[in-house]
Amino acid sequence: MEVNVLERLPDPIILKKLMKIQASLNIILCQDEWLRYHSFIQEWAAGVSMAKIDNGAGDHLIILFSSEGSIIKGFDHESELSPHAQDDYQVLQGIYDDVPKELLALLENDAIQKDDATFCIWREKSDTNWHKGNVDIPKGTSDGSDFLVGCIFHTPEDFVEFANDYFELSLPLDVVAKIYDDIPITAEMIHILNPGCDVKEVLQELELLR
């Protein structure tokens, strides 16, 4: 299963673009920032961008993009690998052990909650594939990576299906497809997707993702 998770991740350039697209759609669909499922901060730190998936139920996926490479920290609060499920409240051995120090250092921020982790995936700039911490996962348990990586929606069809379930909105596929094709988002497109939003405010917030 782990190999499949790593193979489902595109290269960092495409992944970053995907996360921006999903964050853009969340900005359009949800005025309340704290309720957004996908978010993106272009300048999280000097030379570092951050994408986040937060399902509001205690699970999250954080992706940091830098000149050294990219690192993904995931936390499934129901996983038996969670530090909260351990007697000593420690990140399980193997999750971070092999992560290059330059990438691991990116997680050293209180807002990242480094110790809330059930898996870690990374890719140095010189790598041609993703790597994952080598953890002994007991049979019948999960580290949450399959579930959380699955919350990265690669196609407009997948996002429309997600939005129908999470936001309870029926979105026109053709407009969502335009955004996935990286066509500049217009006021008209925003109005079609969410007639009740403040279009000017949305456009201002979208500008921050550039």
N, C-alpha and C. Protein backbone atom coordinates (compact mmCIF):
# COMPACT_ATOMS: atom_id res chain seq x y z
N MET A 1 0.83 -1.20 0.00
CA MET A 1 0.00 0.00 0.00
C MET A 1 0.87 1.25 0.00
N GLU A 2 2.01 1.22 0.73
CA GLU A 2 2.87 2.40 0.82
C GLU A 2 3.38 2.83 -0.54
N VAL A 3 3.78 1.84 -1.36
CA VAL A 3 4.29 2.17 -2.68
C VAL A 3 3.21 2.90 -3.48
N ASN A 4 1.98 2.43 -3.38
CA ASN A 4 0.88 3.07 -4.10
C ASN A 4 0.69 4.52 -3.67
N VAL A 5 0.84 4.77 -2.36
CA VAL A 5 0.71 6.14 -1.86
C VAL A 5 1.77 7.02 -2.48
N LEU A 6 3.01 6.56 -2.52
CA LEU A 6 4.10 7.35 -3.08
C LEU A 6 3.93 7.55 -4.59
N GLU A 7 3.42 6.54 -5.26
CA GLU A 7 3.23 6.63 -6.70
C GLU A 7 2.09 7.57 -7.06
N ARG A 8 1.16 7.76 -6.12
CA ARG A 8 0.03 8.65 -6.38
C ARG A 8 0.41 10.12 -6.25
N LEU A 9 1.58 10.38 -5.70
CA LEU A 9 2.03 11.77 -5.56
C LEU A 9 2.78 12.20 -6.82
N PRO A 10 2.36 13.29 -7.44
CA PRO A 10 3.08 13.79 -8.62
C PRO A 10 4.37 14.47 -8.19
N ASP A 11 5.16 14.91 -9.15
CA ASP A 11 6.39 15.62 -8.77
C ASP A 11 6.01 16.94 -8.09
N PRO A 12 6.93 17.50 -7.29
CA PRO A 12 6.60 18.67 -6.48
C PRO A 12 6.03 19.86 -7.24
N ILE A 13 6.50 20.11 -8.46
CA ILE A 13 6.00 21.24 -9.23
C ILE A 13 4.51 21.08 -9.53
N ILE A 14 4.14 19.88 -9.96
CA ILE A 14 2.73 19.60 -10.26
C ILE A 14 1.91 19.57 -8.97
N LEU A 15 2.49 18.99 -7.92
CA LEU A 15 1.78 18.93 -6.64
C LEU A 15 1.49 20.33 -6.10
N LYS A 16 2.48 21.20 -6.19
CA LYS A 16 2.30 22.59 -5.71
C LYS A 16 1.18 23.27 -6.50
N LYS A 17 1.17 23.07 -7.80
CA LYS A 17 0.13 23.66 -8.65
C LYS A 17 -1.25 23.11 -8.26
N LEU A 18 -1.34 21.81 -8.02
CA LEU A 18 -2.59 21.18 -7.62
C LEU A 18 -3.11 21.75 -6.30
N MET A 19 -2.19 21.92 -5.35
CA MET A 19 -2.60 22.43 -4.04
C MET A 19 -3.08 23.87 -4.14
N LYS A 20 -2.47 24.66 -5.02
CA LYS A 20 -2.92 26.04 -5.24
C LYS A 20 -4.31 26.07 -5.87
N ILE A 21 -4.53 25.19 -6.82
CA ILE A 21 -5.83 25.11 -7.49
C ILE A 21 -6.93 24.78 -6.48
N GLN A 22 -6.67 23.77 -5.64
CA GLN A 22 -7.68 23.37 -4.65
C GLN A 22 -7.89 24.47 -3.60
N ALA A 23 -6.80 25.14 -3.21
CA ALA A 23 -6.93 26.25 -2.26
C ALA A 23 -7.75 27.39 -2.87
N SER A 24 -7.53 27.65 -4.15
CA SER A 24 -8.29 28.70 -4.85
C SER A 24 -9.78 28.39 -4.83
N LEU A 25 -10.11 27.16 -5.12
CA LEU A 25 -11.52 26.76 -5.13
C LEU A 25 -12.13 26.86 -3.74
N ASN A 26 -11.36 26.50 -2.71
CA ASN A 26 -11.85 26.63 -1.34
C ASN A 26 -12.10 28.08 -0.96
N ILE A 27 -11.24 28.99 -1.42
CA ILE A 27 -11.42 30.42 -1.17
C ILE A 27 -12.75 30.89 -1.79
N ILE A 28 -13.01 30.42 -2.99
CA ILE A 28 -14.24 30.81 -3.69
C ILE A 28 -15.47 30.23 -2.99
N LEU A 29 -15.39 29.00 -2.56
CA LEU A 29 -16.56 28.30 -2.05
C LEU A 29 -16.86 28.56 -0.58
N CYS A 30 -15.84 28.96 0.18
CA CYS A 30 -16.01 29.07 1.63
C CYS A 30 -15.41 30.37 2.15
N GLN A 31 -16.26 31.26 2.60
CA GLN A 31 -15.79 32.56 3.10
C GLN A 31 -15.09 32.43 4.45
N ASP A 32 -15.45 31.41 5.22
CA ASP A 32 -14.85 31.20 6.54
C ASP A 32 -13.54 30.43 6.40
N GLU A 33 -12.43 31.13 6.61
CA GLU A 33 -11.11 30.53 6.40
C GLU A 33 -10.93 29.25 7.23
N TRP A 34 -11.41 29.24 8.45
CA TRP A 34 -11.19 28.10 9.34
C TRP A 34 -11.96 26.84 8.92
N LEU A 35 -12.93 27.01 8.00
CA LEU A 35 -13.71 25.87 7.52
C LEU A 35 -13.18 25.30 6.20
N ARG A 36 -12.16 25.93 5.65
CA ARG A 36 -11.64 25.46 4.36
C ARG A 36 -10.86 24.15 4.51
N TYR A 37 -11.06 23.30 3.55
CA TYR A 37 -10.44 21.97 3.55
C TYR A 37 -9.01 22.04 3.03
N HIS A 38 -8.83 22.80 1.96
CA HIS A 38 -7.50 22.99 1.36
C HIS A 38 -7.10 24.46 1.48
N SER A 39 -5.86 24.69 1.88
CA SER A 39 -5.36 26.07 1.95
C SER A 39 -3.92 26.11 1.46
N PHE A 40 -3.47 27.31 1.13
CA PHE A 40 -2.11 27.47 0.61
C PHE A 40 -1.57 28.84 1.00
N ILE A 41 -0.34 28.87 1.51
CA ILE A 41 0.33 30.13 1.85
C ILE A 41 1.61 30.21 1.03
N GLN A 42 1.65 31.18 0.14
CA GLN A 42 2.79 31.29 -0.79
C GLN A 42 4.11 31.55 -0.06
N GLU A 43 4.08 32.46 0.91
CA GLU A 43 5.31 32.76 1.67
C GLU A 43 5.08 32.41 3.14
N TRP A 44 5.10 31.12 3.43
CA TRP A 44 4.92 30.66 4.81
C TRP A 44 6.13 31.08 5.65
N ALA A 45 7.32 30.92 5.05
CA ALA A 45 8.57 31.37 5.65
C ALA A 45 9.45 31.79 4.49
N ALA A 46 10.63 32.27 4.79
CA ALA A 46 11.52 32.73 3.72
C ALA A 46 11.82 31.58 2.75
N GLY A 47 11.34 31.72 1.52
CA GLY A 47 11.59 30.70 0.50
C GLY A 47 10.80 29.41 0.68
N VAL A 48 9.79 29.44 1.55
CA VAL A 48 9.01 28.22 1.82
C VAL A 48 7.52 28.50 1.61
N SER A 49 6.87 27.63 0.83
CA SER A 49 5.41 27.69 0.66
C SER A 49 4.80 26.53 1.44
N MET A 50 3.59 26.74 1.93
CA MET A 50 2.91 25.69 2.69
C MET A 50 1.51 25.43 2.14
N ALA A 51 1.22 24.16 1.92
CA ALA A 51 -0.13 23.73 1.58
C ALA A 51 -0.65 22.90 2.74
N LYS A 52 -1.95 23.00 3.00
CA LYS A 52 -2.51 22.23 4.11
C LYS A 52 -3.87 21.68 3.75
N ILE A 53 -4.10 20.46 4.20
CA ILE A 53 -5.42 19.84 4.13
C ILE A 53 -5.85 19.63 5.57
N ASP A 54 -7.03 20.12 5.91
CA ASP A 54 -7.56 19.98 7.27
C ASP A 54 -9.03 19.63 7.15
N ASN A 55 -9.38 18.42 7.58
CA ASN A 55 -10.77 17.99 7.39
C ASN A 55 -11.69 18.41 8.52
N GLY A 56 -11.16 19.16 9.50
CA GLY A 56 -11.99 19.65 10.58
C GLY A 56 -12.35 18.61 11.61
N ALA A 57 -11.85 17.40 11.41
CA ALA A 57 -12.16 16.30 12.34
C ALA A 57 -10.93 15.84 13.10
N GLY A 58 -9.84 16.62 12.99
CA GLY A 58 -8.63 16.28 13.73
C GLY A 58 -7.52 15.69 12.89
N ASP A 59 -7.77 15.51 11.59
CA ASP A 59 -6.76 14.96 10.69
C ASP A 59 -6.21 16.07 9.79
N HIS A 60 -4.92 16.01 9.49
CA HIS A 60 -4.37 17.02 8.59
C HIS A 60 -3.17 16.50 7.82
N LEU A 61 -2.89 17.20 6.74
CA LEU A 61 -1.74 16.94 5.89
C LEU A 61 -1.09 18.28 5.60
N ILE A 62 0.19 18.41 5.91
CA ILE A 62 0.91 19.65 5.66
C ILE A 62 2.03 19.38 4.67
N ILE A 63 2.11 20.20 3.63
CA ILE A 63 3.16 20.06 2.62
C ILE A 63 3.97 21.34 2.58
N LEU A 64 5.27 21.22 2.73
CA LEU A 64 6.16 22.38 2.65
C LEU A 64 7.04 22.25 1.42
N PHE A 65 7.06 23.30 0.63
CA PHE A 65 7.86 23.34 -0.61
C PHE A 65 9.01 24.33 -0.41
N SER A 66 10.23 23.90 -0.66
CA SER A 66 11.38 24.79 -0.52
C SER A 66 12.41 24.49 -1.61
N SER A 67 13.49 25.28 -1.65
CA SER A 67 14.54 25.06 -2.64
C SER A 67 15.28 23.75 -2.38
N GLU A 68 15.24 23.26 -1.13
CA GLU A 68 15.91 21.99 -0.80
C GLU A 68 15.08 20.78 -1.22
N GLY A 69 13.78 20.99 -1.36
CA GLY A 69 12.89 19.89 -1.68
C GLY A 69 11.53 20.09 -1.05
N SER A 70 10.81 19.00 -0.87
CA SER A 70 9.46 19.06 -0.31
C SER A 70 9.30 18.01 0.77
N ILE A 71 8.51 18.36 1.79
CA ILE A 71 8.25 17.41 2.88
C ILE A 71 6.76 17.45 3.22
N ILE A 72 6.21 16.27 3.47
CA ILE A 72 4.79 16.11 3.78
C ILE A 72 4.68 15.47 5.16
N LYS A 73 3.96 16.13 6.05
CA LYS A 73 3.71 15.57 7.38
C LYS A 73 2.21 15.31 7.51
N GLY A 74 1.87 14.10 7.84
CA GLY A 74 0.46 13.76 7.97
C GLY A 74 0.11 13.28 9.36
N PHE A 75 -1.13 13.54 9.76
CA PHE A 75 -1.60 13.12 11.07
C PHE A 75 -3.03 12.61 10.98
N ASP A 76 -3.20 11.34 11.25
CA ASP A 76 -4.52 10.72 11.35
C ASP A 76 -4.79 10.48 12.83
N HIS A 77 -5.72 11.25 13.39
CA HIS A 77 -5.90 11.21 14.84
C HIS A 77 -6.45 9.88 15.34
N GLU A 78 -7.03 9.08 14.44
CA GLU A 78 -7.57 7.79 14.85
C GLU A 78 -6.56 6.65 14.67
N SER A 79 -5.43 6.96 14.06
CA SER A 79 -4.42 5.92 13.80
C SER A 79 -3.79 5.44 15.10
N GLU A 80 -3.52 4.14 15.15
CA GLU A 80 -2.83 3.57 16.31
C GLU A 80 -1.37 3.99 16.35
N LEU A 81 -0.90 4.63 15.28
CA LEU A 81 0.47 5.13 15.24
C LEU A 81 0.58 6.54 15.82
N SER A 82 -0.54 7.13 16.16
CA SER A 82 -0.54 8.48 16.70
C SER A 82 0.23 8.53 18.02
N PRO A 83 1.00 9.60 18.24
CA PRO A 83 1.68 9.77 19.54
C PRO A 83 0.70 9.72 20.71
N HIS A 84 -0.53 10.16 20.47
CA HIS A 84 -1.54 10.16 21.52
C HIS A 84 -1.94 8.74 21.93
N ALA A 85 -1.62 7.77 21.08
CA ALA A 85 -1.94 6.37 21.39
C ALA A 85 -0.77 5.65 22.06
N GLN A 86 0.36 6.36 22.23
CA GLN A 86 1.55 5.76 22.85
C GLN A 86 1.62 6.17 24.33
N ASP A 87 2.14 5.26 25.14
CA ASP A 87 2.26 5.54 26.58
C ASP A 87 3.18 6.73 26.86
N ASP A 88 4.22 6.87 26.03
CA ASP A 88 5.20 7.94 26.28
C ASP A 88 4.95 9.18 25.41
N TYR A 89 3.83 9.19 24.68
CA TYR A 89 3.50 10.29 23.77
C TYR A 89 4.72 10.69 22.92
N GLN A 90 5.23 9.74 22.16
CA GLN A 90 6.37 9.98 21.29
C GLN A 90 6.00 9.66 19.84
N VAL A 91 6.61 10.43 18.91
CA VAL A 91 6.47 10.08 17.49
C VAL A 91 7.13 8.73 17.29
N LEU A 92 6.47 7.83 16.59
CA LEU A 92 7.00 6.49 16.43
C LEU A 92 8.35 6.49 15.71
N GLN A 93 9.23 5.59 16.19
CA GLN A 93 10.55 5.46 15.58
C GLN A 93 10.39 5.11 14.10
N GLY A 94 11.16 5.79 13.28
CA GLY A 94 11.14 5.52 11.84
C GLY A 94 10.43 6.58 11.03
N ILE A 95 9.49 7.29 11.63
CA ILE A 95 8.72 8.29 10.88
C ILE A 95 9.63 9.40 10.36
N TYR A 96 10.52 9.89 11.23
CA TYR A 96 11.41 11.00 10.86
C TYR A 96 12.88 10.59 10.72
N ASP A 97 13.20 9.35 11.06
CA ASP A 97 14.61 8.96 11.19
C ASP A 97 15.46 9.21 9.95
N ASP A 98 14.91 8.97 8.77
CA ASP A 98 15.71 9.06 7.54
C ASP A 98 15.50 10.36 6.77
N VAL A 99 14.71 11.27 7.32
CA VAL A 99 14.44 12.53 6.62
C VAL A 99 15.71 13.39 6.60
N PRO A 100 16.10 13.90 5.42
CA PRO A 100 17.26 14.80 5.36
C PRO A 100 17.09 15.98 6.31
N LYS A 101 18.16 16.35 7.00
CA LYS A 101 18.06 17.35 8.06
C LYS A 101 17.55 18.70 7.55
N GLU A 102 17.89 19.06 6.29
CA GLU A 102 17.43 20.34 5.75
C GLU A 102 15.91 20.37 5.61
N LEU A 103 15.34 19.23 5.25
CA LEU A 103 13.88 19.15 5.11
C LEU A 103 13.20 19.01 6.47
N LEU A 104 13.80 18.22 7.36
CA LEU A 104 13.22 18.05 8.68
C LEU A 104 13.17 19.37 9.43
N ALA A 105 14.18 20.22 9.19
CA ALA A 105 14.23 21.52 9.86
C ALA A 105 13.03 22.39 9.51
N LEU A 106 12.43 22.15 8.34
CA LEU A 106 11.27 22.95 7.91
C LEU A 106 10.06 22.74 8.83
N LEU A 107 10.05 21.60 9.53
CA LEU A 107 8.93 21.29 10.41
C LEU A 107 9.07 21.92 11.80
N GLU A 108 10.21 22.55 12.05
CA GLU A 108 10.47 23.12 13.38
C GLU A 108 9.77 24.47 13.54
N ASN A 109 8.47 24.40 13.64
CA ASN A 109 7.64 25.58 13.83
C ASN A 109 6.42 25.16 14.63
N ASP A 110 6.09 25.90 15.66
CA ASP A 110 4.98 25.51 16.54
C ASP A 110 3.68 25.28 15.78
N ALA A 111 3.47 26.08 14.72
CA ALA A 111 2.23 25.96 13.95
C ALA A 111 2.15 24.64 13.18
N ILE A 112 3.31 24.02 12.95
CA ILE A 112 3.34 22.77 12.19
C ILE A 112 2.95 21.58 13.07
N GLN A 113 3.15 21.70 14.37
CA GLN A 113 2.87 20.61 15.31
C GLN A 113 3.60 19.33 14.88
N LYS A 114 4.92 19.45 14.84
CA LYS A 114 5.77 18.36 14.36
C LYS A 114 5.51 17.03 15.08
N ASP A 115 5.21 17.09 16.37
CA ASP A 115 5.02 15.86 17.15
C ASP A 115 3.67 15.19 16.90
N ASP A 116 2.76 15.88 16.25
CA ASP A 116 1.51 15.25 15.83
C ASP A 116 1.72 14.68 14.43
N ALA A 117 2.23 13.47 14.37
CA ALA A 117 2.55 12.86 13.08
C ALA A 117 2.33 11.36 13.12
N THR A 118 1.72 10.85 12.06
CA THR A 118 1.60 9.40 11.91
C THR A 118 2.34 8.92 10.67
N PHE A 119 2.78 9.87 9.83
CA PHE A 119 3.64 9.51 8.70
C PHE A 119 4.35 10.75 8.17
N CYS A 120 5.44 10.52 7.46
CA CYS A 120 6.19 11.61 6.82
C CYS A 120 6.69 11.13 5.46
N ILE A 121 6.52 11.98 4.47
CA ILE A 121 6.96 11.69 3.09
C ILE A 121 7.79 12.88 2.64
N TRP A 122 8.86 12.61 1.91
CA TRP A 122 9.71 13.72 1.46
C TRP A 122 10.35 13.44 0.10
N ARG A 123 10.88 14.50 -0.45
CA ARG A 123 11.56 14.39 -1.74
C ARG A 123 12.56 15.54 -1.87
N GLU A 124 13.82 15.20 -1.88
CA GLU A 124 14.85 16.22 -2.07
C GLU A 124 14.82 16.71 -3.52
N LYS A 125 15.37 17.89 -3.74
CA LYS A 125 15.33 18.48 -5.08
C LYS A 125 15.97 17.57 -6.12
N SER A 126 17.01 16.84 -5.73
CA SER A 126 17.73 15.98 -6.67
C SER A 126 17.06 14.61 -6.86
N ASP A 127 16.03 14.32 -6.05
CA ASP A 127 15.36 13.01 -6.13
C ASP A 127 14.46 12.90 -7.35
N THR A 128 14.26 11.67 -7.78
CA THR A 128 13.31 11.41 -8.88
C THR A 128 12.06 10.70 -8.35
N ASN A 129 12.03 10.46 -7.05
CA ASN A 129 10.84 9.82 -6.46
C ASN A 129 10.70 10.26 -5.00
N TRP A 130 9.53 9.98 -4.45
CA TRP A 130 9.23 10.31 -3.06
C TRP A 130 9.72 9.20 -2.14
N HIS A 131 10.00 9.57 -0.89
CA HIS A 131 10.42 8.60 0.13
C HIS A 131 9.48 8.71 1.33
N LYS A 132 9.41 7.61 2.07
CA LYS A 132 8.55 7.60 3.26
C LYS A 132 9.28 6.96 4.43
N GLY A 133 9.03 7.48 5.61
CA GLY A 133 9.66 6.92 6.80
C GLY A 133 9.37 5.44 6.95
N ASN A 134 10.40 4.69 7.30
CA ASN A 134 10.27 3.24 7.43
C ASN A 134 9.76 2.88 8.82
N VAL A 135 8.47 2.61 8.90
CA VAL A 135 7.82 2.33 10.19
C VAL A 135 7.19 0.94 10.13
N ASP A 136 7.33 0.23 11.22
CA ASP A 136 6.70 -1.09 11.33
C ASP A 136 5.22 -0.89 11.66
N ILE A 137 4.39 -0.98 10.65
CA ILE A 137 2.95 -0.77 10.83
C ILE A 137 2.28 -2.12 11.08
N PRO A 138 1.70 -2.32 12.26
CA PRO A 138 1.05 -3.60 12.56
C PRO A 138 -0.05 -3.91 11.55
N LYS A 139 -0.19 -5.18 11.26
CA LYS A 139 -1.22 -5.62 10.32
C LYS A 139 -2.60 -5.20 10.82
N GLY A 140 -3.38 -4.68 9.90
CA GLY A 140 -4.73 -4.27 10.26
C GLY A 140 -4.83 -2.84 10.74
N THR A 141 -3.69 -2.14 10.81
CA THR A 141 -3.69 -0.73 11.21
C THR A 141 -3.23 0.14 10.03
N SER A 142 -3.43 1.43 10.16
CA SER A 142 -3.07 2.35 9.08
C SER A 142 -2.42 3.60 9.67
N ASP A 143 -1.48 4.17 8.91
CA ASP A 143 -0.87 5.43 9.36
C ASP A 143 -1.63 6.65 8.83
N GLY A 144 -2.67 6.41 8.06
CA GLY A 144 -3.49 7.50 7.53
C GLY A 144 -3.02 8.07 6.21
N SER A 145 -1.89 7.59 5.71
CA SER A 145 -1.35 8.19 4.48
C SER A 145 -2.22 7.90 3.26
N ASP A 146 -2.77 6.71 3.18
CA ASP A 146 -3.63 6.37 2.05
C ASP A 146 -4.85 7.30 2.01
N PHE A 147 -5.45 7.50 3.18
CA PHE A 147 -6.63 8.36 3.31
C PHE A 147 -6.30 9.83 3.03
N LEU A 148 -5.24 10.35 3.63
CA LEU A 148 -4.95 11.78 3.52
C LEU A 148 -4.36 12.16 2.16
N VAL A 149 -3.50 11.32 1.61
CA VAL A 149 -3.00 11.59 0.26
C VAL A 149 -4.15 11.53 -0.74
N GLY A 150 -5.15 10.72 -0.42
CA GLY A 150 -6.33 10.63 -1.26
C GLY A 150 -7.19 11.89 -1.24
N CYS A 151 -6.89 12.81 -0.32
CA CYS A 151 -7.61 14.08 -0.26
C CYS A 151 -6.98 15.14 -1.16
N ILE A 152 -5.96 14.75 -1.90
CA ILE A 152 -5.40 15.61 -2.96
C ILE A 152 -6.13 15.21 -4.24
N PHE A 153 -6.96 16.09 -4.74
CA PHE A 153 -7.81 15.73 -5.88
C PHE A 153 -7.14 16.14 -7.19
N HIS A 154 -6.78 15.15 -7.99
CA HIS A 154 -5.99 15.38 -9.19
C HIS A 154 -6.82 15.85 -10.38
N THR A 155 -8.11 15.61 -10.34
CA THR A 155 -8.94 15.95 -11.49
C THR A 155 -10.11 16.83 -11.06
N PRO A 156 -10.65 17.64 -11.99
CA PRO A 156 -11.82 18.45 -11.66
C PRO A 156 -13.02 17.59 -11.26
N GLU A 157 -13.13 16.43 -11.87
CA GLU A 157 -14.24 15.52 -11.54
C GLU A 157 -14.18 15.11 -10.07
N ASP A 158 -12.96 14.80 -9.61
CA ASP A 158 -12.79 14.40 -8.21
C ASP A 158 -13.12 15.55 -7.26
N PHE A 159 -12.72 16.77 -7.66
CA PHE A 159 -13.00 17.92 -6.79
C PHE A 159 -14.50 18.20 -6.74
N VAL A 160 -15.17 18.11 -7.86
CA VAL A 160 -16.63 18.34 -7.90
C VAL A 160 -17.34 17.35 -6.98
N GLU A 161 -16.89 16.10 -7.02
CA GLU A 161 -17.49 15.07 -6.16
C GLU A 161 -17.24 15.39 -4.69
N PHE A 162 -16.03 15.82 -4.39
CA PHE A 162 -15.68 16.20 -3.02
C PHE A 162 -16.52 17.38 -2.54
N ALA A 163 -16.64 18.42 -3.37
CA ALA A 163 -17.37 19.63 -2.99
C ALA A 163 -18.85 19.33 -2.74
N ASN A 164 -19.37 18.40 -3.50
CA ASN A 164 -20.77 18.01 -3.33
C ASN A 164 -20.99 17.40 -1.94
N ASP A 165 -19.98 16.65 -1.50
CA ASP A 165 -20.07 15.98 -0.20
C ASP A 165 -19.72 16.91 0.95
N TYR A 166 -18.60 17.65 0.83
CA TYR A 166 -18.09 18.45 1.95
C TYR A 166 -18.80 19.80 2.08
N PHE A 167 -18.93 20.52 0.96
CA PHE A 167 -19.56 21.84 0.99
C PHE A 167 -21.06 21.78 0.69
N GLU A 168 -21.52 20.59 0.29
CA GLU A 168 -22.91 20.39 -0.11
C GLU A 168 -23.29 21.35 -1.24
N LEU A 169 -22.38 21.43 -2.21
CA LEU A 169 -22.58 22.28 -3.38
C LEU A 169 -22.47 21.45 -4.65
N SER A 170 -23.32 21.74 -5.60
CA SER A 170 -23.26 21.08 -6.90
C SER A 170 -22.58 22.04 -7.88
N LEU A 171 -21.33 21.78 -8.19
CA LEU A 171 -20.54 22.71 -8.99
C LEU A 171 -20.57 22.34 -10.47
N PRO A 172 -20.58 23.36 -11.35
CA PRO A 172 -20.50 23.10 -12.78
C PRO A 172 -19.09 22.61 -13.14
N LEU A 173 -19.02 21.42 -13.69
CA LEU A 173 -17.73 20.80 -13.99
C LEU A 173 -16.90 21.65 -14.96
N ASP A 174 -17.55 22.30 -15.91
CA ASP A 174 -16.80 23.04 -16.93
C ASP A 174 -16.01 24.20 -16.32
N VAL A 175 -16.59 24.86 -15.31
CA VAL A 175 -15.89 25.99 -14.68
C VAL A 175 -14.74 25.47 -13.81
N VAL A 176 -14.99 24.41 -13.06
CA VAL A 176 -13.93 23.82 -12.24
C VAL A 176 -12.78 23.32 -13.13
N ALA A 177 -13.14 22.75 -14.28
CA ALA A 177 -12.14 22.24 -15.22
C ALA A 177 -11.25 23.38 -15.74
N LYS A 178 -11.83 24.55 -15.96
CA LYS A 178 -11.05 25.71 -16.41
C LYS A 178 -10.00 26.09 -15.37
N ILE A 179 -10.40 26.04 -14.10
CA ILE A 179 -9.46 26.39 -13.03
C ILE A 179 -8.36 25.33 -12.94
N TYR A 180 -8.71 24.07 -13.13
CA TYR A 180 -7.70 23.00 -13.15
C TYR A 180 -6.77 23.14 -14.36
N ASP A 181 -7.26 23.75 -15.42
CA ASP A 181 -6.43 23.98 -16.61
C ASP A 181 -5.60 25.26 -16.48
N ASP A 182 -5.66 25.88 -15.30
CA ASP A 182 -4.87 27.07 -14.99
C ASP A 182 -5.30 28.30 -15.79
N ILE A 183 -6.57 28.31 -16.21
CA ILE A 183 -7.11 29.50 -16.86
C ILE A 183 -7.38 30.55 -15.78
N PRO A 184 -6.94 31.80 -15.99
CA PRO A 184 -7.13 32.84 -14.97
C PRO A 184 -8.59 32.91 -14.48
N ILE A 185 -8.74 32.98 -13.17
CA ILE A 185 -10.07 33.00 -12.56
C ILE A 185 -10.67 34.41 -12.68
N THR A 186 -11.85 34.47 -13.26
CA THR A 186 -12.52 35.76 -13.47
C THR A 186 -13.65 35.94 -12.45
N ALA A 187 -14.12 37.19 -12.36
CA ALA A 187 -15.26 37.49 -11.48
C ALA A 187 -16.48 36.67 -11.88
N GLU A 188 -16.65 36.48 -13.20
CA GLU A 188 -17.80 35.70 -13.68
C GLU A 188 -17.72 34.26 -13.21
N MET A 189 -16.51 33.66 -13.28
CA MET A 189 -16.33 32.28 -12.83
C MET A 189 -16.63 32.14 -11.34
N ILE A 190 -16.17 33.12 -10.56
CA ILE A 190 -16.41 33.11 -9.12
C ILE A 190 -17.91 33.19 -8.84
N HIS A 191 -18.60 34.07 -9.54
CA HIS A 191 -20.03 34.25 -9.34
C HIS A 191 -20.81 32.99 -9.69
N ILE A 192 -20.38 32.30 -10.73
CA ILE A 192 -21.05 31.05 -11.13
C ILE A 192 -20.88 29.99 -10.05
N LEU A 193 -19.65 29.89 -9.50
CA LEU A 193 -19.36 28.87 -8.50
C LEU A 193 -20.01 29.18 -7.15
N ASN A 194 -20.05 30.46 -6.80
CA ASN A 194 -20.61 30.84 -5.51
C ASN A 194 -21.28 32.21 -5.61
N PRO A 195 -22.54 32.23 -6.05
CA PRO A 195 -23.26 33.49 -6.28
C PRO A 195 -23.36 34.38 -5.03
N GLY A 196 -23.26 33.79 -3.85
CA GLY A 196 -23.46 34.56 -2.64
C GLY A 196 -22.20 35.18 -2.05
N CYS A 197 -21.04 34.95 -2.68
CA CYS A 197 -19.80 35.44 -2.10
C CYS A 197 -19.51 36.88 -2.50
N ASP A 198 -18.57 37.48 -1.79
CA ASP A 198 -18.09 38.82 -2.13
C ASP A 198 -16.97 38.64 -3.16
N VAL A 199 -17.29 38.85 -4.43
CA VAL A 199 -16.36 38.57 -5.52
C VAL A 199 -15.07 39.37 -5.39
N LYS A 200 -15.19 40.64 -5.04
CA LYS A 200 -14.00 41.49 -4.90
C LYS A 200 -13.08 40.96 -3.82
N GLU A 201 -13.66 40.56 -2.71
CA GLU A 201 -12.87 40.02 -1.60
C GLU A 201 -12.18 38.72 -2.00
N VAL A 202 -12.89 37.87 -2.73
CA VAL A 202 -12.33 36.61 -3.20
C VAL A 202 -11.16 36.87 -4.14
N LEU A 203 -11.32 37.79 -5.08
CA LEU A 203 -10.24 38.11 -6.01
C LEU A 203 -8.99 38.62 -5.30
N GLN A 204 -9.20 39.41 -4.26
CA GLN A 204 -8.07 39.93 -3.48
C GLN A 204 -7.33 38.78 -2.77
N GLU A 205 -8.09 37.85 -2.26
CA GLU A 205 -7.46 36.73 -1.56
C GLU A 205 -6.76 35.79 -2.55
N LEU A 206 -7.35 35.61 -3.71
CA LEU A 206 -6.72 34.76 -4.74
C LEU A 206 -5.38 35.34 -5.19
N GLU A 207 -5.30 36.66 -5.18
CA GLU A 207 -4.07 37.33 -5.61
C GLU A 207 -2.88 36.93 -4.73
N LEU A 208 -3.16 36.60 -3.47
CA LEU A 208 -2.10 36.22 -2.54
C LEU A 208 -1.49 34.86 -2.86
N LEU A 209 -2.20 34.06 -3.66
CA LEU A 209 -1.70 32.74 -4.02
C LEU A 209 -0.71 32.78 -5.18
N ARG A 210 -0.64 33.89 -5.86
CA ARG A 210 0.21 33.98 -7.05
C ARG A 210 1.69 33.91 -6.68
